Amino acid sequence: MISSYHDLWHVEQSFRMSKTDLQARPMFHHQRDAIEAHLTIVFTALAIARYMQNATGLSLKKIIQTLRPLRTARIAINGATQDFPPEITADAQHIITAINPEMGH
């Protein structure tokens, strides 16, 4: 019984997190396919968020704050295109390596 209650606490924590850190918004669907698609997306995002938290030991908010600025710039001038990768900080590299060790350097 205690184990079940502990699991319930994790579920409740996940839903609180989904409303804030994932910036989930209520959606009002009336067709079964739309409802199932919405729930699939929400639960997929929740599963990914939990995986990232467990892999890094960081909060989802910290992960998002650290990774959000990482963007590649692509500049095209006179038919020539140049990509400029982001500068990856040590904190960002820790998250990337923890989430996907194959991408770590």
PDB file of N, CA and C in Angstrom:
ATOM      1  N   MET A   1       0.823  -1.180   0.000  1.00  0.00           N
ATOM      2  CA  MET A   1       0.000   0.000   0.000  1.00  0.00           C
ATOM      3  C   MET A   1       0.879   1.259   0.000  1.00  0.00           C
ATOM      4  N   ILE A   2       1.946   1.236   0.790  1.00  0.00           N
ATOM      5  CA  ILE A   2       2.851   2.388   0.838  1.00  0.00           C
ATOM      6  C   ILE A   2       3.502   2.595  -0.520  1.00  0.00           C
ATOM      7  N   SER A   3       3.885   1.497  -1.166  1.00  0.00           N
ATOM      8  CA  SER A   3       4.494   1.589  -2.497  1.00  0.00           C
ATOM      9  C   SER A   3       3.526   2.215  -3.501  1.00  0.00           C
ATOM     10  N   SER A   4       2.265   1.813  -3.439  1.00  0.00           N
ATOM     11  CA  SER A   4       1.262   2.378  -4.349  1.00  0.00           C
ATOM     12  C   SER A   4       1.079   3.868  -4.103  1.00  0.00           C
ATOM     13  N   TYR A   5       1.069   4.266  -2.831  1.00  0.00           N
ATOM     14  CA  TYR A   5       0.934   5.686  -2.504  1.00  0.00           C
ATOM     15  C   TYR A   5       2.141   6.463  -3.015  1.00  0.00           C
ATOM     16  N   HIS A   6       3.340   5.875  -2.892  1.00  0.00           N
ATOM     17  CA  HIS A   6       4.547   6.531  -3.390  1.00  0.00           C
ATOM     18  C   HIS A   6       4.455   6.740  -4.907  1.00  0.00           C
ATOM     19  N   ASP A   7       3.970   5.737  -5.626  1.00  0.00           N
ATOM     20  CA  ASP A   7       3.796   5.862  -7.070  1.00  0.00           C
ATOM     21  C   ASP A   7       2.769   6.938  -7.405  1.00  0.00           C
ATOM     22  N   LEU A   8       1.702   7.036  -6.631  1.00  0.00           N
ATOM     23  CA  LEU A   8       0.691   8.058  -6.853  1.00  0.00           C
ATOM     24  C   LEU A   8       1.300   9.446  -6.690  1.00  0.00           C
ATOM     25  N   TRP A   9       2.181   9.612  -5.719  1.00  0.00           N
ATOM     26  CA  TRP A   9       2.850  10.893  -5.506  1.00  0.00           C
ATOM     27  C   TRP A   9       3.638  11.294  -6.753  1.00  0.00           C
ATOM     28  N   HIS A  10       4.320  10.318  -7.395  1.00  0.00           N
ATOM     29  CA  HIS A  10       5.066  10.615  -8.621  1.00  0.00           C
ATOM     30  C   HIS A  10       4.139  11.039  -9.750  1.00  0.00           C
ATOM     31  N   VAL A  11       2.994  10.393  -9.856  1.00  0.00           N
ATOM     32  CA  VAL A  11       2.027  10.761 -10.892  1.00  0.00           C
ATOM     33  C   VAL A  11       1.528  12.179 -10.654  1.00  0.00           C
ATOM     34  N   GLU A  12       1.167  12.489  -9.411  1.00  0.00           N
ATOM     35  CA  GLU A  12       0.695  13.837  -9.101  1.00  0.00           C
ATOM     36  C   GLU A  12       1.775  14.874  -9.365  1.00  0.00           C
ATOM     37  N   GLN A  13       3.018  14.566  -9.009  1.00  0.00           N
ATOM     38  CA  GLN A  13       4.126  15.479  -9.268  1.00  0.00           C
ATOM     39  C   GLN A  13       4.292  15.702 -10.774  1.00  0.00           C
ATOM     40  N   SER A  14       4.147  14.652 -11.548  1.00  0.00           N
ATOM     41  CA  SER A  14       4.290  14.770 -12.998  1.00  0.00           C
ATOM     42  C   SER A  14       3.236  15.684 -13.591  1.00  0.00           C
ATOM     43  N   PHE A  15       1.999  15.585 -13.107  1.00  0.00           N
ATOM     44  CA  PHE A  15       0.951  16.440 -13.650  1.00  0.00           C
ATOM     45  C   PHE A  15       1.142  17.893 -13.235  1.00  0.00           C
ATOM     46  N   ARG A  16       1.642  18.133 -12.022  1.00  0.00           N
ATOM     47  CA  ARG A  16       1.950  19.514 -11.621  1.00  0.00           C
ATOM     48  C   ARG A  16       3.045  20.061 -12.513  1.00  0.00           C
ATOM     49  N   MET A  17       4.055  19.247 -12.790  1.00  0.00           N
ATOM     50  CA  MET A  17       5.146  19.660 -13.643  1.00  0.00           C
ATOM     51  C   MET A  17       4.630  19.954 -15.053  1.00  0.00           C
ATOM     52  N   SER A  18       3.747  19.114 -15.560  1.00  0.00           N
ATOM     53  CA  SER A  18       3.295  19.289 -16.929  1.00  0.00           C
ATOM     54  C   SER A  18       2.569  20.608 -17.129  1.00  0.00           C
ATOM     55  N   LYS A  19       1.919  21.099 -16.105  1.00  0.00           N
ATOM     56  CA  LYS A  19       1.185  22.354 -16.235  1.00  0.00           C
ATOM     57  C   LYS A  19       2.119  23.555 -16.217  1.00  0.00           C
ATOM     58  N   THR A  20       3.273  23.431 -15.607  1.00  0.00           N
ATOM     59  CA  THR A  20       4.167  24.579 -15.479  1.00  0.00           C
ATOM     60  C   THR A  20       5.329  24.485 -16.450  1.00  0.00           C
ATOM     61  N   ASP A  21       6.231  23.553 -16.213  1.00  0.00           N
ATOM     62  CA  ASP A  21       7.455  23.478 -17.007  1.00  0.00           C
ATOM     63  C   ASP A  21       7.206  23.125 -18.469  1.00  0.00           C
ATOM     64  N   LEU A  22       6.250  22.271 -18.740  1.00  0.00           N
ATOM     65  CA  LEU A  22       5.957  21.912 -20.122  1.00  0.00           C
ATOM     66  C   LEU A  22       5.059  22.939 -20.801  1.00  0.00           C
ATOM     67  N   GLN A  23       4.561  23.887 -20.050  1.00  0.00           N
ATOM     68  CA  GLN A  23       3.663  24.925 -20.543  1.00  0.00           C
ATOM     69  C   GLN A  23       2.482  24.313 -21.300  1.00  0.00           C
ATOM     70  N   ALA A  24       1.941  23.241 -20.727  1.00  0.00           N
ATOM     71  CA  ALA A  24       0.799  22.571 -21.339  1.00  0.00           C
ATOM     72  C   ALA A  24      -0.445  23.433 -21.171  1.00  0.00           C
ATOM     73  N   ARG A  25      -1.224  23.498 -22.192  1.00  0.00           N
ATOM     74  CA  ARG A  25      -2.456  24.281 -22.169  1.00  0.00           C
ATOM     75  C   ARG A  25      -3.636  23.331 -22.359  1.00  0.00           C
ATOM     76  N   PRO A  26      -4.754  23.649 -21.756  1.00  0.00           N
ATOM     77  CA  PRO A  26      -5.923  22.802 -21.970  1.00  0.00           C
ATOM     78  C   PRO A  26      -6.365  22.868 -23.434  1.00  0.00           C
ATOM     79  N   MET A  27      -6.772  21.753 -23.936  1.00  0.00           N
ATOM     80  CA  MET A  27      -7.275  21.688 -25.301  1.00  0.00           C
ATOM     81  C   MET A  27      -8.687  21.121 -25.234  1.00  0.00           C
ATOM     82  N   PHE A  28      -9.541  21.630 -26.054  1.00  0.00           N
ATOM     83  CA  PHE A  28     -10.927  21.201 -26.026  1.00  0.00           C
ATOM     84  C   PHE A  28     -11.251  20.511 -27.353  1.00  0.00           C
ATOM     85  N   HIS A  29     -11.163  19.190 -27.327  1.00  0.00           N
ATOM     86  CA  HIS A  29     -11.427  18.380 -28.514  1.00  0.00           C
ATOM     87  C   HIS A  29     -12.754  17.655 -28.336  1.00  0.00           C
ATOM     88  N   HIS A  30     -13.391  17.371 -29.445  1.00  0.00           N
ATOM     89  CA  HIS A  30     -14.674  16.700 -29.389  1.00  0.00           C
ATOM     90  C   HIS A  30     -14.663  15.371 -30.146  1.00  0.00           C
ATOM     91  N   GLN A  31     -13.670  15.167 -30.997  1.00  0.00           N
ATOM     92  CA  GLN A  31     -13.586  13.930 -31.754  1.00  0.00           C
ATOM     93  C   GLN A  31     -12.576  12.999 -31.094  1.00  0.00           C
ATOM     94  N   ARG A  32     -12.889  11.726 -31.083  1.00  0.00           N
ATOM     95  CA  ARG A  32     -12.048  10.732 -30.406  1.00  0.00           C
ATOM     96  C   ARG A  32     -10.601  10.761 -30.908  1.00  0.00           C
ATOM     97  N   ASP A  33     -10.399  10.839 -32.222  1.00  0.00           N
ATOM     98  CA  ASP A  33      -9.043  10.859 -32.772  1.00  0.00           C
ATOM     99  C   ASP A  33      -8.249  12.060 -32.257  1.00  0.00           C
ATOM    100  N   ALA A  34      -8.883  13.219 -32.191  1.00  0.00           N
ATOM    101  CA  ALA A  34      -8.202  14.422 -31.711  1.00  0.00           C
ATOM    102  C   ALA A  34      -7.861  14.304 -30.230  1.00  0.00           C
ATOM    103  N   ILE A  35      -8.768  13.739 -29.454  1.00  0.00           N
ATOM    104  CA  ILE A  35      -8.525  13.548 -28.020  1.00  0.00           C
ATOM    105  C   ILE A  35      -7.362  12.580 -27.809  1.00  0.00           C
ATOM    106  N   GLU A  36      -7.375  11.455 -28.522  1.00  0.00           N
ATOM    107  CA  GLU A  36      -6.303  10.468 -28.379  1.00  0.00           C
ATOM    108  C   GLU A  36      -4.962  11.031 -28.845  1.00  0.00           C
ATOM    109  N   ALA A  37      -4.971  11.798 -29.918  1.00  0.00           N
ATOM    110  CA  ALA A  37      -3.734  12.404 -30.401  1.00  0.00           C
ATOM    111  C   ALA A  37      -3.183  13.390 -29.375  1.00  0.00           C
ATOM    112  N   HIS A  38      -4.049  14.198 -28.804  1.00  0.00           N
ATOM    113  CA  HIS A  38      -3.622  15.170 -27.787  1.00  0.00           C
ATOM    114  C   HIS A  38      -3.039  14.460 -26.572  1.00  0.00           C
ATOM    115  N   LEU A  39      -3.722  13.435 -26.089  1.00  0.00           N
ATOM    116  CA  LEU A  39      -3.221  12.687 -24.933  1.00  0.00           C
ATOM    117  C   LEU A  39      -1.895  11.996 -25.236  1.00  0.00           C
ATOM    118  N   THR A  40      -1.743  11.489 -26.446  1.00  0.00           N
ATOM    119  CA  THR A  40      -0.483  10.861 -26.834  1.00  0.00           C
ATOM    120  C   THR A  40       0.664  11.860 -26.796  1.00  0.00           C
ATOM    121  N   ILE A  41       0.437  13.045 -27.309  1.00  0.00           N
ATOM    122  CA  ILE A  41       1.474  14.081 -27.304  1.00  0.00           C
ATOM    123  C   ILE A  41       1.814  14.504 -25.882  1.00  0.00           C
ATOM    124  N   VAL A  42       0.807  14.717 -25.047  1.00  0.00           N
ATOM    125  CA  VAL A  42       1.036  15.146 -23.669  1.00  0.00           C
ATOM    126  C   VAL A  42       1.802  14.085 -22.887  1.00  0.00           C
ATOM    127  N   PHE A  43       1.389  12.838 -22.995  1.00  0.00           N
ATOM    128  CA  PHE A  43       2.072  11.783 -22.252  1.00  0.00           C
ATOM    129  C   PHE A  43       3.467  11.506 -22.808  1.00  0.00           C
ATOM    130  N   THR A  44       3.667  11.676 -24.102  1.00  0.00           N
ATOM    131  CA  THR A  44       5.002  11.533 -24.669  1.00  0.00           C
ATOM    132  C   THR A  44       5.926  12.616 -24.123  1.00  0.00           C
ATOM    133  N   ALA A  45       5.443  13.857 -24.096  1.00  0.00           N
ATOM    134  CA  ALA A  45       6.238  14.960 -23.544  1.00  0.00           C
ATOM    135  C   ALA A  45       6.546  14.712 -22.074  1.00  0.00           C
ATOM    136  N   LEU A  46       5.581  14.201 -21.342  1.00  0.00           N
ATOM    137  CA  LEU A  46       5.783  13.909 -19.930  1.00  0.00           C
ATOM    138  C   LEU A  46       6.827  12.805 -19.744  1.00  0.00           C
ATOM    139  N   ALA A  47       6.756  11.760 -20.556  1.00  0.00           N
ATOM    140  CA  ALA A  47       7.724  10.662 -20.469  1.00  0.00           C
ATOM    141  C   ALA A  47       9.134  11.152 -20.796  1.00  0.00           C
ATOM    142  N   ILE A  48       9.260  11.987 -21.817  1.00  0.00           N
ATOM    143  CA  ILE A  48      10.565  12.533 -22.182  1.00  0.00           C
ATOM    144  C   ILE A  48      11.102  13.419 -21.066  1.00  0.00           C
ATOM    145  N   ALA A  49      10.240  14.233 -20.490  1.00  0.00           N
ATOM    146  CA  ALA A  49      10.659  15.111 -19.396  1.00  0.00           C
ATOM    147  C   ALA A  49      11.143  14.296 -18.208  1.00  0.00           C
ATOM    148  N   ARG A  50      10.415  13.244 -17.846  1.00  0.00           N
ATOM    149  CA  ARG A  50      10.826  12.401 -16.720  1.00  0.00           C
ATOM    150  C   ARG A  50      12.152  11.704 -17.022  1.00  0.00           C
ATOM    151  N   TYR A  51      12.326  11.231 -18.243  1.00  0.00           N
ATOM    152  CA  TYR A  51      13.584  10.596 -18.624  1.00  0.00           C
ATOM    153  C   TYR A  51      14.737  11.590 -18.475  1.00  0.00           C
ATOM    154  N   MET A  52      14.546  12.800 -18.958  1.00  0.00           N
ATOM    155  CA  MET A  52      15.600  13.808 -18.890  1.00  0.00           C
ATOM    156  C   MET A  52      15.931  14.156 -17.440  1.00  0.00           C
ATOM    157  N   GLN A  53      14.929  14.272 -16.595  1.00  0.00           N
ATOM    158  CA  GLN A  53      15.167  14.560 -15.182  1.00  0.00           C
ATOM    159  C   GLN A  53      15.933  13.421 -14.515  1.00  0.00           C
ATOM    160  N   ASN A  54      15.518  12.196 -14.784  1.00  0.00           N
ATOM    161  CA  ASN A  54      16.182  11.041 -14.181  1.00  0.00           C
ATOM    162  C   ASN A  54      17.613  10.888 -14.691  1.00  0.00           C
ATOM    163  N   ALA A  55      17.840  11.146 -15.964  1.00  0.00           N
ATOM    164  CA  ALA A  55      19.174  10.981 -16.551  1.00  0.00           C
ATOM    165  C   ALA A  55      20.152  12.046 -16.073  1.00  0.00           C
ATOM    166  N   THR A  56      19.662  13.258 -15.833  1.00  0.00           N
ATOM    167  CA  THR A  56      20.559  14.367 -15.487  1.00  0.00           C
ATOM    168  C   THR A  56      20.596  14.685 -14.002  1.00  0.00           C
ATOM    169  N   GLY A  57      19.544  14.340 -13.274  1.00  0.00           N
ATOM    170  CA  GLY A  57      19.443  14.726 -11.873  1.00  0.00           C
ATOM    171  C   GLY A  57      19.045  16.177 -11.694  1.00  0.00           C
ATOM    172  N   LEU A  58      18.632  16.826 -12.778  1.00  0.00           N
ATOM    173  CA  LEU A  58      18.242  18.237 -12.752  1.00  0.00           C
ATOM    174  C   LEU A  58      16.730  18.365 -12.913  1.00  0.00           C
ATOM    175  N   SER A  59      16.207  19.519 -12.528  1.00  0.00           N
ATOM    176  CA  SER A  59      14.791  19.793 -12.747  1.00  0.00           C
ATOM    177  C   SER A  59      14.560  20.080 -14.223  1.00  0.00           C
ATOM    178  N   LEU A  60      13.347  19.869 -14.665  1.00  0.00           N
ATOM    179  CA  LEU A  60      13.015  20.162 -16.059  1.00  0.00           C
ATOM    180  C   LEU A  60      13.213  21.648 -16.351  1.00  0.00           C
ATOM    181  N   LYS A  61      12.878  22.488 -15.392  1.00  0.00           N
ATOM    182  CA  LYS A  61      13.048  23.937 -15.573  1.00  0.00           C
ATOM    183  C   LYS A  61      14.512  24.272 -15.849  1.00  0.00           C
ATOM    184  N   LYS A  62      15.435  23.670 -15.089  1.00  0.00           N
ATOM    185  CA  LYS A  62      16.870  23.929 -15.281  1.00  0.00           C
ATOM    186  C   LYS A  62      17.337  23.403 -16.631  1.00  0.00           C
ATOM    187  N   ILE A  63      16.848  22.241 -17.025  1.00  0.00           N
ATOM    188  CA  ILE A  63      17.216  21.667 -18.322  1.00  0.00           C
ATOM    189  C   ILE A  63      16.775  22.598 -19.447  1.00  0.00           C
ATOM    190  N   ILE A  64      15.544  23.062 -19.376  1.00  0.00           N
ATOM    191  CA  ILE A  64      15.018  23.948 -20.412  1.00  0.00           C
ATOM    192  C   ILE A  64      15.799  25.258 -20.448  1.00  0.00           C
ATOM    193  N   GLN A  65      16.066  25.844 -19.285  1.00  0.00           N
ATOM    194  CA  GLN A  65      16.821  27.104 -19.226  1.00  0.00           C
ATOM    195  C   GLN A  65      18.217  26.950 -19.819  1.00  0.00           C
ATOM    196  N   THR A  66      18.819  25.790 -19.621  1.00  0.00           N
ATOM    197  CA  THR A  66      20.179  25.558 -20.110  1.00  0.00           C
ATOM    198  C   THR A  66      20.210  25.277 -21.609  1.00  0.00           C
ATOM    199  N   LEU A  67      19.268  24.512 -22.106  1.00  0.00           N
ATOM    200  CA  LEU A  67      19.299  24.095 -23.514  1.00  0.00           C
ATOM    201  C   LEU A  67      18.578  25.039 -24.469  1.00  0.00           C
ATOM    202  N   ARG A  68      17.631  25.815 -23.982  1.00  0.00           N
ATOM    203  CA  ARG A  68      16.842  26.681 -24.866  1.00  0.00           C
ATOM    204  C   ARG A  68      17.707  27.628 -25.715  1.00  0.00           C
ATOM    205  N   PRO A  69      18.754  28.225 -25.170  1.00  0.00           N
ATOM    206  CA  PRO A  69      19.546  29.160 -25.989  1.00  0.00           C
ATOM    207  C   PRO A  69      20.376  28.494 -27.097  1.00  0.00           C
ATOM    208  N   LEU A  70      20.510  27.181 -27.081  1.00  0.00           N
ATOM    209  CA  LEU A  70      21.351  26.498 -28.062  1.00  0.00           C
ATOM    210  C   LEU A  70      20.637  26.407 -29.404  1.00  0.00           C
ATOM    211  N   ARG A  71      21.104  27.206 -30.336  1.00  0.00           N
ATOM    212  CA  ARG A  71      20.517  27.211 -31.678  1.00  0.00           C
ATOM    213  C   ARG A  71      21.612  27.377 -32.705  1.00  0.00           C
ATOM    214  N   THR A  72      21.461  26.722 -33.813  1.00  0.00           N
ATOM    215  CA  THR A  72      22.398  26.865 -34.922  1.00  0.00           C
ATOM    216  C   THR A  72      21.884  27.962 -35.836  1.00  0.00           C
ATOM    217  N   ALA A  73      22.796  28.831 -36.239  1.00  0.00           N
ATOM    218  CA  ALA A  73      22.422  29.899 -37.184  1.00  0.00           C
ATOM    219  C   ALA A  73      22.852  29.481 -38.579  1.00  0.00           C
ATOM    220  N   ARG A  74      21.978  29.686 -39.556  1.00  0.00           N
ATOM    221  CA  ARG A  74      22.299  29.409 -40.958  1.00  0.00           C
ATOM    222  C   ARG A  74      22.153  30.720 -41.716  1.00  0.00           C
ATOM    223  N   ILE A  75      23.242  31.156 -42.326  1.00  0.00           N
ATOM    224  CA  ILE A  75      23.244  32.425 -43.046  1.00  0.00           C
ATOM    225  C   ILE A  75      23.545  32.143 -44.512  1.00  0.00           C
ATOM    226  N   ALA A  76      22.706  32.694 -45.388  1.00  0.00           N
ATOM    227  CA  ALA A  76      22.884  32.528 -46.829  1.00  0.00           C
ATOM    228  C   ALA A  76      23.118  33.901 -47.438  1.00  0.00           C
ATOM    229  N   ILE A  77      24.265  34.050 -48.118  1.00  0.00           N
ATOM    230  CA  ILE A  77      24.599  35.304 -48.795  1.00  0.00           C
ATOM    231  C   ILE A  77      25.117  34.962 -50.185  1.00  0.00           C
ATOM    232  N   ASN A  78      24.482  35.567 -51.178  1.00  0.00           N
ATOM    233  CA  ASN A  78      24.899  35.372 -52.571  1.00  0.00           C
ATOM    234  C   ASN A  78      25.052  33.904 -52.940  1.00  0.00           C
ATOM    235  N   GLY A  79      24.115  33.083 -52.522  1.00  0.00           N
ATOM    236  CA  GLY A  79      24.125  31.666 -52.898  1.00  0.00           C
ATOM    237  C   GLY A  79      25.008  30.783 -52.034  1.00  0.00           C
ATOM    238  N   ALA A  80      25.800  31.361 -51.148  1.00  0.00           N
ATOM    239  CA  ALA A  80      26.645  30.565 -50.251  1.00  0.00           C
ATOM    240  C   ALA A  80      25.966  30.480 -48.884  1.00  0.00           C
ATOM    241  N   THR A  81      25.921  29.276 -48.333  1.00  0.00           N
ATOM    242  CA  THR A  81      25.288  29.070 -47.037  1.00  0.00           C
ATOM    243  C   THR A  81      26.335  28.643 -46.024  1.00  0.00           C
ATOM    244  N   GLN A  82      26.281  29.266 -44.869  1.00  0.00           N
ATOM    245  CA  GLN A  82      27.219  28.947 -43.791  1.00  0.00           C
ATOM    246  C   GLN A  82      26.428  28.650 -42.517  1.00  0.00           C
ATOM    247  N   ASP A  83      26.744  27.532 -41.857  1.00  0.00           N
ATOM    248  CA  ASP A  83      26.122  27.187 -40.576  1.00  0.00           C
ATOM    249  C   ASP A  83      27.070  27.558 -39.444  1.00  0.00           C
ATOM    250  N   PHE A  84      26.493  28.132 -38.388  1.00  0.00           N
ATOM    251  CA  PHE A  84      27.250  28.491 -37.203  1.00  0.00           C
ATOM    252  C   PHE A  84      26.646  27.756 -36.011  1.00  0.00           C
ATOM    253  N   PRO A  85      27.351  26.739 -35.513  1.00  0.00           N
ATOM    254  CA  PRO A  85      26.811  25.972 -34.391  1.00  0.00           C
ATOM    255  C   PRO A  85      26.832  26.788 -33.101  1.00  0.00           C
ATOM    256  N   PRO A  86      26.009  26.408 -32.137  1.00  0.00           N
ATOM    257  CA  PRO A  86      25.980  27.154 -30.873  1.00  0.00           C
ATOM    258  C   PRO A  86      27.221  26.853 -30.037  1.00  0.00           C
ATOM    259  N   GLU A  87      27.536  27.764 -29.146  1.00  0.00           N
ATOM    260  CA  GLU A  87      28.590  27.510 -28.165  1.00  0.00           C
ATOM    261  C   GLU A  87      27.953  26.709 -27.038  1.00  0.00           C
ATOM    262  N   ILE A  88      28.451  25.518 -26.820  1.00  0.00           N
ATOM    263  CA  ILE A  88      27.858  24.634 -25.817  1.00  0.00           C
ATOM    264  C   ILE A  88      28.615  24.787 -24.506  1.00  0.00           C
ATOM    265  N   THR A  89      27.912  25.253 -23.492  1.00  0.00           N
ATOM    266  CA  THR A  89      28.506  25.446 -22.174  1.00  0.00           C
ATOM    267  C   THR A  89      28.746  24.092 -21.503  1.00  0.00           C
ATOM    268  N   ALA A  90      29.513  24.110 -20.424  1.00  0.00           N
ATOM    269  CA  ALA A  90      29.778  22.873 -19.679  1.00  0.00           C
ATOM    270  C   ALA A  90      28.483  22.294 -19.117  1.00  0.00           C
ATOM    271  N   ASP A  91      27.585  23.158 -18.628  1.00  0.00           N
ATOM    272  CA  ASP A  91      26.298  22.685 -18.106  1.00  0.00           C
ATOM    273  C   ASP A  91      25.467  22.025 -19.206  1.00  0.00           C
ATOM    274  N   ALA A  92      25.442  22.646 -20.375  1.00  0.00           N
ATOM    275  CA  ALA A  92      24.693  22.086 -21.499  1.00  0.00           C
ATOM    276  C   ALA A  92      25.304  20.760 -21.939  1.00  0.00           C
ATOM    277  N   GLN A  93      26.618  20.680 -21.966  1.00  0.00           N
ATOM    278  CA  GLN A  93      27.292  19.445 -22.370  1.00  0.00           C
ATOM    279  C   GLN A  93      26.981  18.317 -21.383  1.00  0.00           C
ATOM    280  N   HIS A  94      26.922  18.638 -20.102  1.00  0.00           N
ATOM    281  CA  HIS A  94      26.570  17.632 -19.092  1.00  0.00           C
ATOM    282  C   HIS A  94      25.177  17.065 -19.375  1.00  0.00           C
ATOM    283  N   ILE A  95      24.234  17.928 -19.681  1.00  0.00           N
ATOM    284  CA  ILE A  95      22.862  17.489 -19.968  1.00  0.00           C
ATOM    285  C   ILE A  95      22.833  16.640 -21.234  1.00  0.00           C
ATOM    286  N   ILE A  96      23.489  17.111 -22.274  1.00  0.00           N
ATOM    287  CA  ILE A  96      23.497  16.387 -23.551  1.00  0.00           C
ATOM    288  C   ILE A  96      24.102  15.000 -23.383  1.00  0.00           C
ATOM    289  N   THR A  97      25.225  14.923 -22.666  1.00  0.00           N
ATOM    290  CA  THR A  97      25.887  13.632 -22.453  1.00  0.00           C
ATOM    291  C   THR A  97      25.031  12.706 -21.600  1.00  0.00           C
ATOM    292  N   ALA A  98      24.389  13.236 -20.577  1.00  0.00           N
ATOM    293  CA  ALA A  98      23.545  12.413 -19.706  1.00  0.00           C
ATOM    294  C   ALA A  98      22.332  11.873 -20.451  1.00  0.00           C
ATOM    295  N   ILE A  99      21.757  12.683 -21.314  1.00  0.00           N
ATOM    296  CA  ILE A  99      20.552  12.272 -22.045  1.00  0.00           C
ATOM    297  C   ILE A  99      20.900  11.290 -23.156  1.00  0.00           C
ATOM    298  N   ASN A 100      21.997  11.560 -23.853  1.00  0.00           N
ATOM    299  CA  ASN A 100      22.402  10.709 -24.971  1.00  0.00           C
ATOM    300  C   ASN A 100      23.920  10.592 -24.976  1.00  0.00           C
ATOM    301  N   PRO A 101      24.464   9.588 -24.291  1.00  0.00           N
ATOM    302  CA  PRO A 101      25.926   9.453 -24.191  1.00  0.00           C
ATOM    303  C   PRO A 101      26.653   9.410 -25.539  1.00  0.00           C
ATOM    304  N   GLU A 102      25.979   8.951 -26.595  1.00  0.00           N
ATOM    305  CA  GLU A 102      26.617   8.889 -27.909  1.00  0.00           C
ATOM    306  C   GLU A 102      26.903  10.280 -28.475  1.00  0.00           C
ATOM    307  N   MET A 103      26.158  11.300 -28.029  1.00  0.00           N
ATOM    308  CA  MET A 103      26.361  12.668 -28.523  1.00  0.00           C
ATOM    309  C   MET A 103      27.387  13.423 -27.692  1.00  0.00           C
ATOM    310  N   GLY A 104      27.755  12.896 -26.533  1.00  0.00           N
ATOM    311  CA  GLY A 104      28.714  13.573 -25.660  1.00  0.00           C
ATOM    312  C   GLY A 104      30.115  13.538 -26.246  1.00  0.00           C
ATOM    313  N   HIS A 105      30.864  14.547 -25.925  1.00  0.00           N
ATOM    314  CA  HIS A 105      32.249  14.614 -26.413  1.00  0.00           C
ATOM    315  C   HIS A 105      33.190  14.503 -25.256  1.00  0.00           C
TER     316      HIS A 105
END
